[in-house]
PDB file of all heavy atoms in Angstrom:
ATOM      1  N   PRO A   1      11.383  58.864 -23.951  1.00  0.00           N
ATOM      2  CA  PRO A   1      10.705  59.899 -23.267  1.00  0.00           C
ATOM      3  C   PRO A   1       9.529  60.510 -24.150  1.00  0.00           C
ATOM      4  O   PRO A   1       8.638  61.061 -23.595  1.00  0.00           O
ATOM      5  CB  PRO A   1      11.769  60.986 -23.097  1.00  0.00           C
ATOM      6  CG  PRO A   1      13.010  60.268 -22.969  1.00  0.00           C
ATOM      7  CD  PRO A   1      12.905  59.105 -24.057  1.00  0.00           C
ATOM      8  N   ALA A   2       9.651  60.404 -25.449  1.00  0.00           N
ATOM      9  CA  ALA A   2       8.568  60.901 -26.293  1.00  0.00           C
ATOM     10  C   ALA A   2       7.263  60.053 -26.443  1.00  0.00           C
ATOM     11  O   ALA A   2       6.326  60.486 -26.800  1.00  0.00           O
ATOM     12  CB  ALA A   2       9.024  61.162 -27.734  1.00  0.00           C
ATOM     13  N   GLY A   3       7.480  58.706 -26.129  1.00  0.00           N
ATOM     14  CA  GLY A   3       6.304  57.840 -26.261  1.00  0.00           C
ATOM     15  C   GLY A   3       6.773  56.354 -26.114  1.00  0.00           C
ATOM     16  O   GLY A   3       7.898  55.994 -26.031  1.00  0.00           O
ATOM     17  N   LYS A   4       5.735  55.494 -26.217  1.00  0.00           N
ATOM     18  CA  LYS A   4       5.890  54.154 -26.072  1.00  0.00           C
ATOM     19  C   LYS A   4       6.081  53.456 -27.364  1.00  0.00           C
ATOM     20  O   LYS A   4       5.473  53.590 -28.439  1.00  0.00           O
ATOM     21  CB  LYS A   4       4.553  53.495 -25.426  1.00  0.00           C
ATOM     22  CG  LYS A   4       4.711  52.109 -25.098  1.00  0.00           C
ATOM     23  CD  LYS A   4       3.479  51.638 -24.323  1.00  0.00           C
ATOM     24  CE  LYS A   4       3.602  50.163 -23.947  1.00  0.00           C
ATOM     25  NZ  LYS A   4       2.558  49.660 -23.147  1.00  0.00           N
ATOM     26  N   ASN A   5       7.157  52.422 -27.352  1.00  0.00           N
ATOM     27  CA  ASN A   5       7.432  51.603 -28.482  1.00  0.00           C
ATOM     28  C   ASN A   5       7.741  52.348 -29.747  1.00  0.00           C
ATOM     29  O   ASN A   5       7.536  51.948 -30.902  1.00  0.00           O
ATOM     30  CB  ASN A   5       6.187  50.709 -28.837  1.00  0.00           C
ATOM     31  CG  ASN A   5       5.993  49.699 -27.756  1.00  0.00           C
ATOM     32  OD1 ASN A   5       6.815  49.340 -27.120  1.00  0.00           O
ATOM     33  ND2 ASN A   5       4.676  49.343 -27.563  1.00  0.00           N
ATOM     34  N   LEU A   6       8.298  53.567 -29.631  1.00  0.00           N
ATOM     35  CA  LEU A   6       8.652  54.442 -30.812  1.00  0.00           C
ATOM     36  C   LEU A   6       9.922  53.968 -31.534  1.00  0.00           C
ATOM     37  O   LEU A   6      10.276  54.277 -32.622  1.00  0.00           O
ATOM     38  CB  LEU A   6       8.805  55.964 -30.392  1.00  0.00           C
ATOM     39  CG  LEU A   6       7.525  56.607 -29.924  1.00  0.00           C
ATOM     40  CD1 LEU A   6       7.821  58.049 -29.694  1.00  0.00           C
ATOM     41  CD2 LEU A   6       6.400  56.455 -31.021  1.00  0.00           C
ATOM     42  N   VAL A   7      10.718  53.097 -30.732  1.00  0.00           N
ATOM     43  CA  VAL A   7      11.977  52.459 -31.351  1.00  0.00           C
ATOM     44  C   VAL A   7      11.661  50.896 -31.363  1.00  0.00           C
ATOM     45  O   VAL A   7      11.394  50.338 -30.267  1.00  0.00           O
ATOM     46  CB  VAL A   7      13.175  52.798 -30.587  1.00  0.00           C
ATOM     47  CG1 VAL A   7      14.444  52.080 -31.099  1.00  0.00           C
ATOM     48  CG2 VAL A   7      13.430  54.290 -30.481  1.00  0.00           C
ATOM     49  N   GLY A   8      11.784  50.327 -32.433  1.00  0.00           N
ATOM     50  CA  GLY A   8      11.538  48.886 -32.409  1.00  0.00           C
ATOM     51  C   GLY A   8      11.862  48.283 -33.764  1.00  0.00           C
ATOM     52  O   GLY A   8      12.305  48.958 -34.781  1.00  0.00           O
ATOM     53  N   ALA A   9      11.345  47.066 -34.044  1.00  0.00           N
ATOM     54  CA  ALA A   9      11.612  46.360 -35.277  1.00  0.00           C
ATOM     55  C   ALA A   9      10.672  45.120 -35.298  1.00  0.00           C
ATOM     56  O   ALA A   9      10.048  44.808 -34.312  1.00  0.00           O
ATOM     57  CB  ALA A   9      12.975  45.634 -35.322  1.00  0.00           C
ATOM     58  N   PHE A  10      10.372  44.676 -36.451  1.00  0.00           N
ATOM     59  CA  PHE A  10       9.532  43.449 -36.673  1.00  0.00           C
ATOM     60  C   PHE A  10      10.487  42.156 -36.765  1.00  0.00           C
ATOM     61  O   PHE A  10      11.405  42.215 -37.649  1.00  0.00           O
ATOM     62  CB  PHE A  10       8.802  43.398 -37.963  1.00  0.00           C
ATOM     63  CG  PHE A  10       7.668  44.605 -37.874  1.00  0.00           C
ATOM     64  CD1 PHE A  10       7.853  45.846 -38.497  1.00  0.00           C
ATOM     65  CD2 PHE A  10       6.457  44.371 -37.272  1.00  0.00           C
ATOM     66  CE1 PHE A  10       6.951  46.881 -38.530  1.00  0.00           C
ATOM     67  CE2 PHE A  10       5.469  45.482 -37.325  1.00  0.00           C
ATOM     68  CZ  PHE A  10       5.701  46.539 -37.932  1.00  0.00           C
ATOM     69  N   HIS A  11      10.219  41.354 -35.825  1.00  0.00           N
ATOM     70  CA  HIS A  11      11.233  40.023 -35.687  1.00  0.00           C
ATOM     71  C   HIS A  11      10.367  38.904 -35.143  1.00  0.00           C
ATOM     72  O   HIS A  11      10.336  38.833 -33.867  1.00  0.00           O
ATOM     73  CB  HIS A  11      12.338  40.527 -34.810  1.00  0.00           C
ATOM     74  CG  HIS A  11      13.492  39.493 -34.842  1.00  0.00           C
ATOM     75  ND1 HIS A  11      14.215  39.113 -35.911  1.00  0.00           N
ATOM     76  CD2 HIS A  11      13.944  38.705 -33.856  1.00  0.00           C
ATOM     77  CE1 HIS A  11      15.120  38.272 -35.657  1.00  0.00           C
ATOM     78  NE2 HIS A  11      15.012  37.922 -34.386  1.00  0.00           N
ATOM     79  N   PRO A  12       9.779  38.127 -35.968  1.00  0.00           N
ATOM     80  CA  PRO A  12       9.019  37.009 -35.456  1.00  0.00           C
ATOM     81  C   PRO A  12       9.903  36.033 -34.667  1.00  0.00           C
ATOM     82  O   PRO A  12      10.971  35.771 -34.921  1.00  0.00           O
ATOM     83  CB  PRO A  12       8.556  36.316 -36.715  1.00  0.00           C
ATOM     84  CG  PRO A  12       8.636  37.437 -37.790  1.00  0.00           C
ATOM     85  CD  PRO A  12       9.823  38.206 -37.434  1.00  0.00           C
ATOM     86  N   PRO A  13       9.257  35.452 -33.583  1.00  0.00           N
ATOM     87  CA  PRO A  13       9.991  34.531 -32.682  1.00  0.00           C
ATOM     88  C   PRO A  13      10.083  33.171 -33.463  1.00  0.00           C
ATOM     89  O   PRO A  13       9.452  32.922 -34.327  1.00  0.00           O
ATOM     90  CB  PRO A  13       9.131  34.577 -31.525  1.00  0.00           C
ATOM     91  CG  PRO A  13       7.693  34.727 -31.980  1.00  0.00           C
ATOM     92  CD  PRO A  13       7.884  35.816 -33.070  1.00  0.00           C
ATOM     93  N   ALA A  14      10.921  32.249 -32.951  1.00  0.00           N
ATOM     94  CA  ALA A  14      11.051  30.972 -33.416  1.00  0.00           C
ATOM     95  C   ALA A  14       9.878  30.095 -32.763  1.00  0.00           C
ATOM     96  O   ALA A  14       9.533  29.076 -33.312  1.00  0.00           O
ATOM     97  CB  ALA A  14      12.428  30.240 -32.965  1.00  0.00           C
ATOM     98  N   ALA A  15       9.526  30.579 -31.536  1.00  0.00           N
ATOM     99  CA  ALA A  15       8.244  29.787 -30.951  1.00  0.00           C
ATOM    100  C   ALA A  15       7.850  30.578 -29.718  1.00  0.00           C
ATOM    101  O   ALA A  15       8.561  31.543 -29.284  1.00  0.00           O
ATOM    102  CB  ALA A  15       8.802  28.483 -30.410  1.00  0.00           C
ATOM    103  N   VAL A  16       6.577  30.355 -29.394  1.00  0.00           N
ATOM    104  CA  VAL A  16       5.901  31.097 -28.103  1.00  0.00           C
ATOM    105  C   VAL A  16       5.423  29.922 -27.281  1.00  0.00           C
ATOM    106  O   VAL A  16       4.654  29.095 -27.781  1.00  0.00           O
ATOM    107  CB  VAL A  16       4.916  32.083 -28.423  1.00  0.00           C
ATOM    108  CG1 VAL A  16       4.326  32.649 -27.176  1.00  0.00           C
ATOM    109  CG2 VAL A  16       5.399  33.203 -29.299  1.00  0.00           C
ATOM    110  N   LEU A  17       5.983  29.854 -26.001  1.00  0.00           N
ATOM    111  CA  LEU A  17       5.461  28.777 -25.077  1.00  0.00           C
ATOM    112  C   LEU A  17       4.861  29.402 -23.847  1.00  0.00           C
ATOM    113  O   LEU A  17       5.520  30.214 -23.129  1.00  0.00           O
ATOM    114  CB  LEU A  17       6.663  27.911 -24.792  1.00  0.00           C
ATOM    115  CG  LEU A  17       7.629  27.392 -25.925  1.00  0.00           C
ATOM    116  CD1 LEU A  17       8.799  26.725 -25.293  1.00  0.00           C
ATOM    117  CD2 LEU A  17       6.736  26.696 -26.881  1.00  0.00           C
ATOM    118  N   CYS A  18       3.620  28.847 -23.498  1.00  0.00           N
ATOM    119  CA  CYS A  18       3.066  29.438 -22.340  1.00  0.00           C
ATOM    120  C   CYS A  18       2.334  28.274 -21.470  1.00  0.00           C
ATOM    121  O   CYS A  18       1.543  27.558 -22.092  1.00  0.00           O
ATOM    122  CB  CYS A  18       1.976  30.569 -22.682  1.00  0.00           C
ATOM    123  SG  CYS A  18       1.126  31.194 -21.143  1.00  0.00           S
ATOM    124  N   ASP A  19       2.773  28.077 -20.201  1.00  0.00           N
ATOM    125  CA  ASP A  19       2.163  27.104 -19.410  1.00  0.00           C
ATOM    126  C   ASP A  19       0.949  28.023 -18.574  1.00  0.00           C
ATOM    127  O   ASP A  19       1.328  28.982 -17.880  1.00  0.00           O
ATOM    128  CB  ASP A  19       3.123  26.686 -18.370  1.00  0.00           C
ATOM    129  CG  ASP A  19       2.530  25.395 -17.514  1.00  0.00           C
ATOM    130  OD1 ASP A  19       1.374  25.526 -17.199  1.00  0.00           O
ATOM    131  OD2 ASP A  19       3.294  24.471 -17.297  1.00  0.00           O
ATOM    132  N   PRO A  20      -0.286  27.554 -18.609  1.00  0.00           N
ATOM    133  CA  PRO A  20      -1.375  28.294 -18.014  1.00  0.00           C
ATOM    134  C   PRO A  20      -1.081  28.358 -16.539  1.00  0.00           C
ATOM    135  O   PRO A  20      -1.577  29.400 -15.927  1.00  0.00           O
ATOM    136  CB  PRO A  20      -2.596  27.399 -18.277  1.00  0.00           C
ATOM    137  CG  PRO A  20      -2.298  26.709 -19.481  1.00  0.00           C
ATOM    138  CD  PRO A  20      -0.885  26.443 -19.589  1.00  0.00           C
ATOM    139  N   ALA A  21      -0.345  27.633 -15.957  1.00  0.00           N
ATOM    140  CA  ALA A  21      -0.039  27.725 -14.389  1.00  0.00           C
ATOM    141  C   ALA A  21       0.592  28.935 -14.260  1.00  0.00           C
ATOM    142  O   ALA A  21       0.503  29.453 -13.061  1.00  0.00           O
ATOM    143  CB  ALA A  21       0.718  26.390 -14.034  1.00  0.00           C
ATOM    144  N   TRP A  22       1.503  29.471 -15.088  1.00  0.00           N
ATOM    145  CA  TRP A  22       2.302  30.687 -14.891  1.00  0.00           C
ATOM    146  C   TRP A  22       1.152  31.829 -14.603  1.00  0.00           C
ATOM    147  O   TRP A  22       1.542  32.776 -13.827  1.00  0.00           O
ATOM    148  CB  TRP A  22       3.085  30.998 -16.081  1.00  0.00           C
ATOM    149  CG  TRP A  22       4.146  30.032 -16.282  1.00  0.00           C
ATOM    150  CD1 TRP A  22       4.667  29.130 -15.415  1.00  0.00           C
ATOM    151  CD2 TRP A  22       4.877  29.815 -17.507  1.00  0.00           C
ATOM    152  NE1 TRP A  22       5.580  28.246 -16.007  1.00  0.00           N
ATOM    153  CE2 TRP A  22       5.766  28.699 -17.400  1.00  0.00           C
ATOM    154  CE3 TRP A  22       4.857  30.406 -18.770  1.00  0.00           C
ATOM    155  CZ2 TRP A  22       6.569  28.152 -18.310  1.00  0.00           C
ATOM    156  CZ3 TRP A  22       5.566  29.953 -19.819  1.00  0.00           C
ATOM    157  CH2 TRP A  22       6.555  28.824 -19.685  1.00  0.00           C
ATOM    158  N   LEU A  23      -0.012  31.798 -15.241  1.00  0.00           N
ATOM    159  CA  LEU A  23      -0.865  32.916 -15.097  1.00  0.00           C
ATOM    160  C   LEU A  23      -1.509  32.892 -13.847  1.00  0.00           C
ATOM    161  O   LEU A  23      -1.935  34.040 -13.331  1.00  0.00           O
ATOM    162  CB  LEU A  23      -1.884  32.801 -16.208  1.00  0.00           C
ATOM    163  CG  LEU A  23      -1.414  32.730 -17.770  1.00  0.00           C
ATOM    164  CD1 LEU A  23      -2.616  32.693 -18.647  1.00  0.00           C
ATOM    165  CD2 LEU A  23      -0.458  33.860 -17.998  1.00  0.00           C
ATOM    166  N   THR A  24      -1.618  31.778 -13.155  1.00  0.00           N
ATOM    167  CA  THR A  24      -2.222  31.823 -11.783  1.00  0.00           C
ATOM    168  C   THR A  24      -1.478  32.459 -10.676  1.00  0.00           C
ATOM    169  O   THR A  24      -2.027  32.743  -9.620  1.00  0.00           O
ATOM    170  CB  THR A  24      -2.599  30.293 -11.414  1.00  0.00           C
ATOM    171  OG1 THR A  24      -1.342  29.620 -11.139  1.00  0.00           O
ATOM    172  CG2 THR A  24      -3.338  29.598 -12.400  1.00  0.00           C
ATOM    173  N   THR A  25      -0.162  32.752 -11.041  1.00  0.00           N
ATOM    174  CA  THR A  25       0.703  33.362 -10.021  1.00  0.00           C
ATOM    175  C   THR A  25       0.662  34.927 -10.256  1.00  0.00           C
ATOM    176  O   THR A  25       1.350  35.612  -9.371  1.00  0.00           O
ATOM    177  CB  THR A  25       2.108  32.925 -10.189  1.00  0.00           C
ATOM    178  OG1 THR A  25       2.693  33.194 -11.351  1.00  0.00           O
ATOM    179  CG2 THR A  25       2.160  31.401  -9.965  1.00  0.00           C
ATOM    180  N   MET A  26      -0.004  35.488 -11.294  1.00  0.00           N
ATOM    181  CA  MET A  26      -0.079  36.852 -11.389  1.00  0.00           C
ATOM    182  C   MET A  26      -0.826  37.619 -10.357  1.00  0.00           C
ATOM    183  O   MET A  26      -1.864  37.070  -9.922  1.00  0.00           O
ATOM    184  CB  MET A  26      -0.601  37.177 -12.743  1.00  0.00           C
ATOM    185  CG  MET A  26       0.136  36.563 -13.908  1.00  0.00           C
ATOM    186  SD  MET A  26      -0.764  37.154 -15.528  1.00  0.00           S
ATOM    187  CE  MET A  26      -0.681  38.968 -15.430  1.00  0.00           C
ATOM    188  N   PRO A  27      -0.574  38.704 -10.031  1.00  0.00           N
ATOM    189  CA  PRO A  27      -1.529  39.592  -9.272  1.00  0.00           C
ATOM    190  C   PRO A  27      -2.784  39.785 -10.084  1.00  0.00           C
ATOM    191  O   PRO A  27      -2.733  39.926 -11.242  1.00  0.00           O
ATOM    192  CB  PRO A  27      -0.742  40.991  -9.155  1.00  0.00           C
ATOM    193  CG  PRO A  27       0.705  40.691  -9.299  1.00  0.00           C
ATOM    194  CD  PRO A  27       0.696  39.620 -10.308  1.00  0.00           C
ATOM    195  N   PRO A  28      -3.929  39.652  -9.338  1.00  0.00           N
ATOM    196  CA  PRO A  28      -5.175  39.606 -10.047  1.00  0.00           C
ATOM    197  C   PRO A  28      -5.319  40.943 -10.868  1.00  0.00           C
ATOM    198  O   PRO A  28      -5.934  40.745 -12.091  1.00  0.00           O
ATOM    199  CB  PRO A  28      -6.153  39.612  -8.828  1.00  0.00           C
ATOM    200  CG  PRO A  28      -5.513  38.900  -7.816  1.00  0.00           C
ATOM    201  CD  PRO A  28      -4.170  39.293  -7.934  1.00  0.00           C
ATOM    202  N   ALA A  29      -4.998  42.083 -10.491  1.00  0.00           N
ATOM    203  CA  ALA A  29      -5.271  43.208 -11.230  1.00  0.00           C
ATOM    204  C   ALA A  29      -4.408  43.283 -12.513  1.00  0.00           C
ATOM    205  O   ALA A  29      -4.925  43.759 -13.605  1.00  0.00           O
ATOM    206  CB  ALA A  29      -4.761  44.495 -10.456  1.00  0.00           C
ATOM    207  N   ASP A  30      -3.266  42.657 -12.492  1.00  0.00           N
ATOM    208  CA  ASP A  30      -2.377  42.445 -13.715  1.00  0.00           C
ATOM    209  C   ASP A  30      -2.979  41.583 -14.740  1.00  0.00           C
ATOM    210  O   ASP A  30      -3.048  41.766 -15.946  1.00  0.00           O
ATOM    211  CB  ASP A  30      -1.003  42.101 -13.381  1.00  0.00           C
ATOM    212  CG  ASP A  30      -0.202  43.144 -12.654  1.00  0.00           C
ATOM    213  OD1 ASP A  30      -0.538  44.367 -12.701  1.00  0.00           O
ATOM    214  OD2 ASP A  30       0.817  42.882 -11.979  1.00  0.00           O
ATOM    215  N   TYR A  31      -3.499  40.445 -14.058  1.00  0.00           N
ATOM    216  CA  TYR A  31      -4.174  39.477 -14.980  1.00  0.00           C
ATOM    217  C   TYR A  31      -5.490  40.089 -15.672  1.00  0.00           C
ATOM    218  O   TYR A  31      -5.604  39.920 -16.981  1.00  0.00           O
ATOM    219  CB  TYR A  31      -4.568  38.246 -14.167  1.00  0.00           C
ATOM    220  CG  TYR A  31      -5.416  37.193 -14.973  1.00  0.00           C
ATOM    221  CD1 TYR A  31      -4.722  36.245 -15.736  1.00  0.00           C
ATOM    222  CD2 TYR A  31      -6.752  37.229 -14.980  1.00  0.00           C
ATOM    223  CE1 TYR A  31      -5.386  35.352 -16.437  1.00  0.00           C
ATOM    224  CE2 TYR A  31      -7.476  36.245 -15.662  1.00  0.00           C
ATOM    225  CZ  TYR A  31      -6.773  35.382 -16.511  1.00  0.00           C
ATOM    226  OH  TYR A  31      -7.450  34.488 -17.166  1.00  0.00           O
ATOM    227  N   VAL A  32      -6.270  40.740 -14.991  1.00  0.00           N
ATOM    228  CA  VAL A  32      -7.403  41.265 -15.434  1.00  0.00           C
ATOM    229  C   VAL A  32      -7.063  42.356 -16.542  1.00  0.00           C
ATOM    230  O   VAL A  32      -7.657  42.509 -17.626  1.00  0.00           O
ATOM    231  CB  VAL A  32      -8.312  41.925 -14.418  1.00  0.00           C
ATOM    232  CG1 VAL A  32      -9.328  42.840 -15.028  1.00  0.00           C
ATOM    233  CG2 VAL A  32      -8.973  40.860 -13.551  1.00  0.00           C
ATOM    234  N   SER A  33      -6.020  43.110 -16.327  1.00  0.00           N
ATOM    235  CA  SER A  33      -5.582  44.126 -17.333  1.00  0.00           C
ATOM    236  C   SER A  33      -5.218  43.428 -18.607  1.00  0.00           C
ATOM    237  O   SER A  33      -5.615  43.925 -19.700  1.00  0.00           O
ATOM    238  CB  SER A  33      -4.304  44.803 -16.713  1.00  0.00           C
ATOM    239  OG  SER A  33      -3.966  45.826 -17.606  1.00  0.00           O
ATOM    240  N   GLY A  34      -4.622  42.374 -18.585  1.00  0.00           N
ATOM    241  CA  GLY A  34      -4.286  41.586 -19.815  1.00  0.00           C
ATOM    242  C   GLY A  34      -5.574  41.259 -20.608  1.00  0.00           C
ATOM    243  O   GLY A  34      -5.468  41.028 -21.796  1.00  0.00           O
ATOM    244  N   LEU A  35      -6.621  40.972 -19.887  1.00  0.00           N
ATOM    245  CA  LEU A  35      -7.907  40.511 -20.633  1.00  0.00           C
ATOM    246  C   LEU A  35      -8.357  41.735 -21.642  1.00  0.00           C
ATOM    247  O   LEU A  35      -9.145  41.353 -22.406  1.00  0.00           O
ATOM    248  CB  LEU A  35      -9.034  40.222 -19.528  1.00  0.00           C
ATOM    249  CG  LEU A  35      -8.779  38.925 -18.905  1.00  0.00           C
ATOM    250  CD1 LEU A  35      -9.786  38.852 -17.707  1.00  0.00           C
ATOM    251  CD2 LEU A  35      -8.880  37.736 -19.785  1.00  0.00           C
ATOM    252  N   ALA A  36      -7.941  42.808 -21.411  1.00  0.00           N
ATOM    253  CA  ALA A  36      -8.369  43.950 -22.358  1.00  0.00           C
ATOM    254  C   ALA A  36      -8.006  43.573 -23.786  1.00  0.00           C
ATOM    255  O   ALA A  36      -8.781  43.897 -24.722  1.00  0.00           O
ATOM    256  CB  ALA A  36      -7.781  45.319 -21.916  1.00  0.00           C
ATOM    257  N   GLU A  37      -6.838  43.014 -23.943  1.00  0.00           N
ATOM    258  CA  GLU A  37      -6.368  42.619 -25.267  1.00  0.00           C
ATOM    259  C   GLU A  37      -7.228  41.362 -25.855  1.00  0.00           C
ATOM    260  O   GLU A  37      -7.356  41.336 -27.028  1.00  0.00           O
ATOM    261  CB  GLU A  37      -4.926  42.187 -25.356  1.00  0.00           C
ATOM    262  CG  GLU A  37      -3.920  43.467 -25.024  1.00  0.00           C
ATOM    263  CD  GLU A  37      -3.894  44.349 -26.236  1.00  0.00           C
ATOM    264  OE1 GLU A  37      -4.400  44.177 -27.379  1.00  0.00           O
ATOM    265  OE2 GLU A  37      -3.208  45.432 -26.062  1.00  0.00           O
ATOM    266  N   VAL A  38      -7.696  40.612 -25.027  1.00  0.00           N
ATOM    267  CA  VAL A  38      -8.604  39.467 -25.363  1.00  0.00           C
ATOM    268  C   VAL A  38      -9.979  40.088 -25.877  1.00  0.00           C
ATOM    269  O   VAL A  38     -10.395  39.766 -26.825  1.00  0.00           O
ATOM    270  CB  VAL A  38      -8.822  38.507 -24.262  1.00  0.00           C
ATOM    271  CG1 VAL A  38      -9.762  37.376 -24.637  1.00  0.00           C
ATOM    272  CG2 VAL A  38      -7.542  37.817 -23.802  1.00  0.00           C
TER     273      VAL A  38
END
């Protein structure tokens, strides 16, 4: 309730896998929102 991500840890994954086709099924507004990090 006090804020975002205030409880967490650093834990690298063993791998990250992304098929670009998954992104085409996103609602357009959500996809564009993610572009802010780009």
